[in-house]
N, C-alpha and C. Protein backbone atom coordinates (compact mmCIF):
# COMPACT_ATOMS: atom_id res chain seq x y z
N MET A 1 107.88 169.96 158.44
CA MET A 1 108.88 169.82 157.41
C MET A 1 108.38 170.60 156.19
N THR A 2 109.26 171.39 155.61
CA THR A 2 108.86 172.22 154.47
C THR A 2 108.79 171.40 153.18
N HIS A 3 108.16 172.00 152.20
CA HIS A 3 108.00 171.34 150.90
C HIS A 3 109.37 171.09 150.25
N SER A 4 110.29 172.04 150.37
CA SER A 4 111.61 171.87 149.76
C SER A 4 112.41 170.76 150.45
N ASP A 5 112.22 170.61 151.78
CA ASP A 5 112.88 169.50 152.48
C ASP A 5 112.36 168.15 151.98
N LYS A 6 111.06 168.09 151.74
CA LYS A 6 110.47 166.85 151.23
C LYS A 6 111.00 166.54 149.84
N LYS A 7 111.17 167.57 149.02
CA LYS A 7 111.70 167.34 147.67
C LYS A 7 113.13 166.83 147.73
N LYS A 8 113.93 167.35 148.65
CA LYS A 8 115.31 166.89 148.80
C LYS A 8 115.36 165.43 149.23
N ILE A 9 114.48 165.05 150.14
CA ILE A 9 114.42 163.66 150.60
C ILE A 9 114.05 162.74 149.44
N ILE A 10 113.06 163.14 148.66
CA ILE A 10 112.62 162.33 147.52
C ILE A 10 113.73 162.24 146.48
N GLU A 11 114.40 163.35 146.20
CA GLU A 11 115.49 163.33 145.22
C GLU A 11 116.62 162.41 145.66
N LYS A 12 116.82 162.29 146.98
CA LYS A 12 117.88 161.44 147.50
C LYS A 12 117.51 159.96 147.39
N LEU A 13 116.21 159.63 147.50
CA LEU A 13 115.78 158.24 147.53
C LEU A 13 115.23 157.72 146.20
N VAL A 14 114.80 158.61 145.31
CA VAL A 14 114.08 158.19 144.10
C VAL A 14 114.73 158.78 142.86
N VAL A 15 114.69 158.01 141.77
CA VAL A 15 115.16 158.50 140.48
C VAL A 15 114.08 159.43 139.92
N VAL A 16 114.43 160.71 139.72
CA VAL A 16 113.47 161.70 139.23
C VAL A 16 113.42 161.61 137.70
N PRO A 17 112.21 161.45 137.11
CA PRO A 17 112.11 161.34 135.65
C PRO A 17 112.34 162.69 134.97
N ASP A 18 112.67 162.63 133.69
CA ASP A 18 112.89 163.86 132.92
C ASP A 18 111.58 164.48 132.46
N LYS A 19 110.54 163.65 132.26
CA LYS A 19 109.26 164.14 131.75
C LYS A 19 108.16 163.84 132.77
N GLN A 20 107.06 164.55 132.63
CA GLN A 20 105.87 164.41 133.48
C GLN A 20 106.22 164.55 134.96
N LYS A 21 106.92 165.61 135.27
CA LYS A 21 107.36 165.83 136.66
C LYS A 21 106.21 166.22 137.58
N ARG A 22 105.20 166.88 137.02
CA ARG A 22 104.09 167.35 137.86
C ARG A 22 103.38 166.16 138.53
N ASN A 23 103.05 165.15 137.73
CA ASN A 23 102.39 163.96 138.28
C ASN A 23 103.33 163.24 139.25
N PHE A 24 104.59 163.16 138.87
CA PHE A 24 105.57 162.48 139.71
C PHE A 24 105.67 163.12 141.08
N TRP A 25 105.84 164.44 141.13
CA TRP A 25 106.01 165.11 142.42
C TRP A 25 104.76 165.03 143.28
N GLY A 26 103.58 165.13 142.65
CA GLY A 26 102.34 165.01 143.41
C GLY A 26 102.21 163.64 144.07
N ARG A 27 102.49 162.59 143.30
CA ARG A 27 102.39 161.23 143.82
C ARG A 27 103.43 160.98 144.91
N GLU A 28 104.65 161.43 144.70
CA GLU A 28 105.74 161.16 145.65
C GLU A 28 105.57 161.94 146.95
N ILE A 29 105.15 163.20 146.86
CA ILE A 29 104.92 164.01 148.06
C ILE A 29 103.78 163.40 148.88
N LYS A 30 102.73 162.95 148.20
CA LYS A 30 101.60 162.31 148.89
C LYS A 30 102.07 161.05 149.63
N SER A 31 102.86 160.22 148.96
CA SER A 31 103.36 158.99 149.60
C SER A 31 104.29 159.31 150.76
N LEU A 32 105.12 160.32 150.60
CA LEU A 32 106.03 160.71 151.68
C LEU A 32 105.24 161.23 152.88
N ASN A 33 104.16 161.97 152.63
CA ASN A 33 103.34 162.46 153.74
C ASN A 33 102.72 161.30 154.53
N VAL A 34 102.31 160.25 153.83
CA VAL A 34 101.77 159.06 154.51
C VAL A 34 102.85 158.43 155.37
N LEU A 35 104.08 158.33 154.83
CA LEU A 35 105.18 157.75 155.60
C LEU A 35 105.57 158.63 156.79
N LEU A 36 105.46 159.94 156.62
CA LEU A 36 105.81 160.86 157.70
C LEU A 36 104.86 160.76 158.88
N GLU A 37 103.65 160.26 158.66
CA GLU A 37 102.73 160.06 159.78
C GLU A 37 103.24 158.97 160.71
N SER A 38 103.89 157.95 160.15
CA SER A 38 104.41 156.85 160.96
C SER A 38 105.80 157.14 161.50
N TYR A 39 106.62 157.76 160.69
CA TYR A 39 108.02 158.05 161.05
C TYR A 39 108.20 159.56 161.04
N VAL A 40 108.00 160.19 162.19
CA VAL A 40 107.90 161.64 162.24
C VAL A 40 109.24 162.37 162.40
N GLU A 41 110.30 161.66 162.74
CA GLU A 41 111.59 162.32 162.99
C GLU A 41 112.17 162.89 161.70
N GLU A 42 112.36 164.20 161.68
CA GLU A 42 112.88 164.88 160.50
C GLU A 42 114.34 164.50 160.23
N ASN A 43 115.13 164.39 161.26
CA ASN A 43 116.55 164.04 161.08
C ASN A 43 116.72 162.61 160.57
N PHE A 44 115.79 161.73 160.91
CA PHE A 44 115.82 160.37 160.38
C PHE A 44 115.71 160.40 158.87
N TRP A 45 114.80 161.19 158.36
CA TRP A 45 114.59 161.25 156.91
C TRP A 45 115.76 161.91 156.20
N LYS A 46 116.37 162.88 156.85
CA LYS A 46 117.52 163.55 156.21
C LYS A 46 118.73 162.64 156.11
N GLY A 47 118.87 161.70 157.05
CA GLY A 47 120.01 160.80 157.03
C GLY A 47 119.73 159.45 156.39
N LEU A 48 118.49 159.21 155.97
CA LEU A 48 118.10 157.91 155.42
C LEU A 48 118.72 157.68 154.05
N THR A 49 119.34 156.52 153.89
CA THR A 49 119.88 156.13 152.58
C THR A 49 119.63 154.64 152.36
N PHE A 50 119.56 154.27 151.11
CA PHE A 50 119.49 152.88 150.72
C PHE A 50 120.58 152.64 149.69
N SER A 51 120.84 151.38 149.40
CA SER A 51 121.94 151.04 148.50
C SER A 51 121.68 151.51 147.07
N GLU A 52 120.42 151.64 146.70
CA GLU A 52 120.09 152.08 145.34
C GLU A 52 118.87 152.99 145.40
N LYS A 53 118.70 153.79 144.35
CA LYS A 53 117.53 154.67 144.28
C LYS A 53 116.34 153.88 143.75
N PHE A 54 115.16 154.25 144.23
CA PHE A 54 113.93 153.57 143.84
C PHE A 54 113.28 154.28 142.67
N ASP A 55 112.36 153.56 141.99
CA ASP A 55 111.56 154.19 140.94
C ASP A 55 110.49 155.08 141.55
N SER A 56 110.02 154.69 142.74
CA SER A 56 109.01 155.46 143.44
C SER A 56 109.16 155.22 144.94
N ILE A 57 108.78 156.19 145.73
CA ILE A 57 108.89 156.06 147.19
C ILE A 57 107.77 155.17 147.74
N ILE A 58 106.83 154.80 146.87
CA ILE A 58 105.73 153.94 147.29
C ILE A 58 106.24 152.58 147.76
N VAL A 59 107.39 152.15 147.26
CA VAL A 59 107.93 150.83 147.67
C VAL A 59 108.25 150.79 149.16
N LEU A 60 108.39 151.94 149.79
CA LEU A 60 108.68 151.98 151.23
C LEU A 60 107.42 151.79 152.08
N ARG A 61 106.28 151.73 151.44
CA ARG A 61 105.02 151.63 152.19
C ARG A 61 104.59 150.21 152.46
N SER A 62 105.10 149.23 151.70
CA SER A 62 104.73 147.84 151.95
C SER A 62 105.81 146.91 151.44
N GLY A 63 105.79 145.68 151.95
CA GLY A 63 106.72 144.67 151.49
C GLY A 63 108.08 144.74 152.15
N TYR A 64 109.06 144.28 151.42
CA TYR A 64 110.43 144.15 151.94
C TYR A 64 111.00 145.49 152.39
N PHE A 65 110.87 146.51 151.57
CA PHE A 65 111.47 147.80 151.90
C PHE A 65 110.74 148.49 153.04
N ALA A 66 109.47 148.19 153.25
CA ALA A 66 108.77 148.73 154.41
C ALA A 66 109.37 148.15 155.69
N ASN A 67 109.71 146.86 155.65
CA ASN A 67 110.36 146.24 156.81
C ASN A 67 111.75 146.81 157.03
N GLU A 68 112.48 147.05 155.95
CA GLU A 68 113.81 147.65 156.07
C GLU A 68 113.72 149.07 156.65
N LEU A 69 112.73 149.83 156.20
CA LEU A 69 112.53 151.18 156.73
C LEU A 69 112.21 151.13 158.21
N LYS A 70 111.39 150.16 158.61
CA LYS A 70 111.03 150.00 160.02
C LYS A 70 112.26 149.66 160.85
N LYS A 71 113.12 148.77 160.35
CA LYS A 71 114.35 148.40 161.05
C LYS A 71 115.28 149.60 161.19
N LYS A 72 115.41 150.37 160.13
CA LYS A 72 116.29 151.55 160.19
C LYS A 72 115.76 152.57 161.18
N TYR A 73 114.43 152.72 161.24
CA TYR A 73 113.85 153.67 162.18
C TYR A 73 114.05 153.20 163.63
N LYS A 74 113.90 151.90 163.85
CA LYS A 74 114.12 151.36 165.20
C LYS A 74 115.57 151.55 165.62
N ARG A 75 116.50 151.32 164.67
CA ARG A 75 117.92 151.54 164.98
C ARG A 75 118.19 153.01 165.29
N TYR A 76 117.51 153.90 164.57
CA TYR A 76 117.69 155.34 164.79
C TYR A 76 117.16 155.75 166.16
N LYS A 77 116.04 155.18 166.58
CA LYS A 77 115.40 155.57 167.84
C LYS A 77 115.94 154.81 169.05
N TYR A 78 116.81 153.82 168.85
CA TYR A 78 117.27 152.96 169.93
C TYR A 78 118.13 153.75 170.91
N ASN A 79 117.83 153.61 172.18
CA ASN A 79 118.63 154.20 173.24
C ASN A 79 119.33 153.08 173.99
N ILE A 80 120.61 153.22 174.19
CA ILE A 80 121.37 152.21 174.91
C ILE A 80 120.96 152.27 176.37
N PRO A 81 120.50 151.15 176.93
CA PRO A 81 120.06 151.17 178.33
C PRO A 81 121.25 151.39 179.27
N GLN A 82 120.97 152.06 180.37
CA GLN A 82 122.01 152.31 181.36
C GLN A 82 122.33 151.01 182.08
N GLN A 83 123.61 150.79 182.30
CA GLN A 83 124.03 149.58 182.98
C GLN A 83 123.83 149.74 184.49
N LYS A 84 123.25 148.73 185.10
CA LYS A 84 123.02 148.79 186.54
C LYS A 84 124.35 148.60 187.27
N LYS A 85 124.56 149.41 188.29
CA LYS A 85 125.78 149.31 189.07
C LYS A 85 125.59 148.28 190.17
N LEU A 86 126.47 147.31 190.21
CA LEU A 86 126.39 146.28 191.23
C LEU A 86 127.13 146.74 192.48
N GLU A 87 126.46 146.60 193.60
CA GLU A 87 127.10 146.94 194.86
C GLU A 87 127.44 145.64 195.58
N LEU A 88 128.70 145.46 195.88
CA LEU A 88 129.15 144.25 196.56
C LEU A 88 129.10 144.46 198.07
N GLY A 89 128.51 143.49 198.76
CA GLY A 89 128.42 143.56 200.21
C GLY A 89 129.63 142.88 200.84
N GLU A 90 129.50 142.60 202.12
CA GLU A 90 130.60 141.91 202.81
C GLU A 90 130.63 140.46 202.41
N LYS A 91 131.79 139.87 202.56
CA LYS A 91 132.01 138.48 202.20
C LYS A 91 131.22 137.57 203.14
N ALA A 92 130.64 136.51 202.56
CA ALA A 92 129.87 135.57 203.37
C ALA A 92 130.36 134.16 203.10
N GLY A 93 130.48 133.34 204.12
CA GLY A 93 130.87 131.95 203.93
C GLY A 93 132.37 131.75 203.95
N ASP A 94 132.75 130.48 203.88
CA ASP A 94 134.17 130.10 203.92
C ASP A 94 134.76 130.12 202.53
N ASP A 95 136.09 130.25 202.48
CA ASP A 95 136.79 130.19 201.21
C ASP A 95 136.77 128.76 200.68
N TYR A 96 136.78 128.61 199.39
CA TYR A 96 136.81 127.31 198.75
C TYR A 96 138.27 126.90 198.57
N THR A 97 138.60 125.73 199.05
CA THR A 97 139.95 125.20 198.85
C THR A 97 139.84 123.96 197.98
N LYS A 98 140.53 123.97 196.90
CA LYS A 98 140.49 122.87 195.95
C LYS A 98 141.35 121.73 196.48
N GLN A 99 140.81 120.53 196.44
CA GLN A 99 141.57 119.38 196.88
C GLN A 99 142.53 118.98 195.76
N VAL A 100 143.79 118.80 196.14
CA VAL A 100 144.81 118.45 195.16
C VAL A 100 144.75 116.95 194.94
N LYS A 101 144.53 116.55 193.69
CA LYS A 101 144.50 115.13 193.35
C LYS A 101 145.91 114.68 193.01
N PRO A 102 146.24 113.45 193.31
CA PRO A 102 147.57 112.94 192.96
C PRO A 102 147.75 112.87 191.45
N LYS A 103 148.93 113.33 191.00
CA LYS A 103 149.20 113.36 189.57
C LYS A 103 149.88 112.07 189.09
N ASN A 104 150.52 111.35 189.96
CA ASN A 104 151.20 110.11 189.55
C ASN A 104 151.07 109.07 190.68
N LEU A 105 151.60 107.88 190.44
CA LEU A 105 151.48 106.78 191.38
C LEU A 105 152.20 107.05 192.69
N ARG A 106 153.35 107.70 192.63
CA ARG A 106 154.14 107.98 193.85
C ARG A 106 153.35 108.91 194.78
N GLU A 107 152.70 109.96 194.22
CA GLU A 107 151.89 110.87 195.04
C GLU A 107 150.67 110.15 195.58
N PHE A 108 150.12 109.24 194.83
CA PHE A 108 148.95 108.49 195.25
C PHE A 108 149.27 107.58 196.43
N LEU A 109 150.45 106.95 196.41
CA LEU A 109 150.81 106.01 197.48
C LEU A 109 151.38 106.70 198.73
N SER A 110 151.80 107.92 198.61
CA SER A 110 152.41 108.56 199.79
C SER A 110 151.40 109.22 200.68
């Protein structure tokens, strides 16, 4: 993943400050690189969104948002299992016939 791709991901997830950008970008790129070791899919990061922007991407490394990131990654990587095809054999045994119970006294006595 290129440096500009990483910057786009950070800009999408984090509020970029107006001042002291050099320290900000160094810290955020470093944290993103740590996260990229665990979650390597580039398309996952390009499509990742949260309901609000964070102050720093470090919040994705531990706690509640780390669990949310893990859930989103699992959902992204999930493959729907193939359904097994059932093969029906020949019929075995006798048919079931339900015994009719009398509904009223006249049917009961006859």
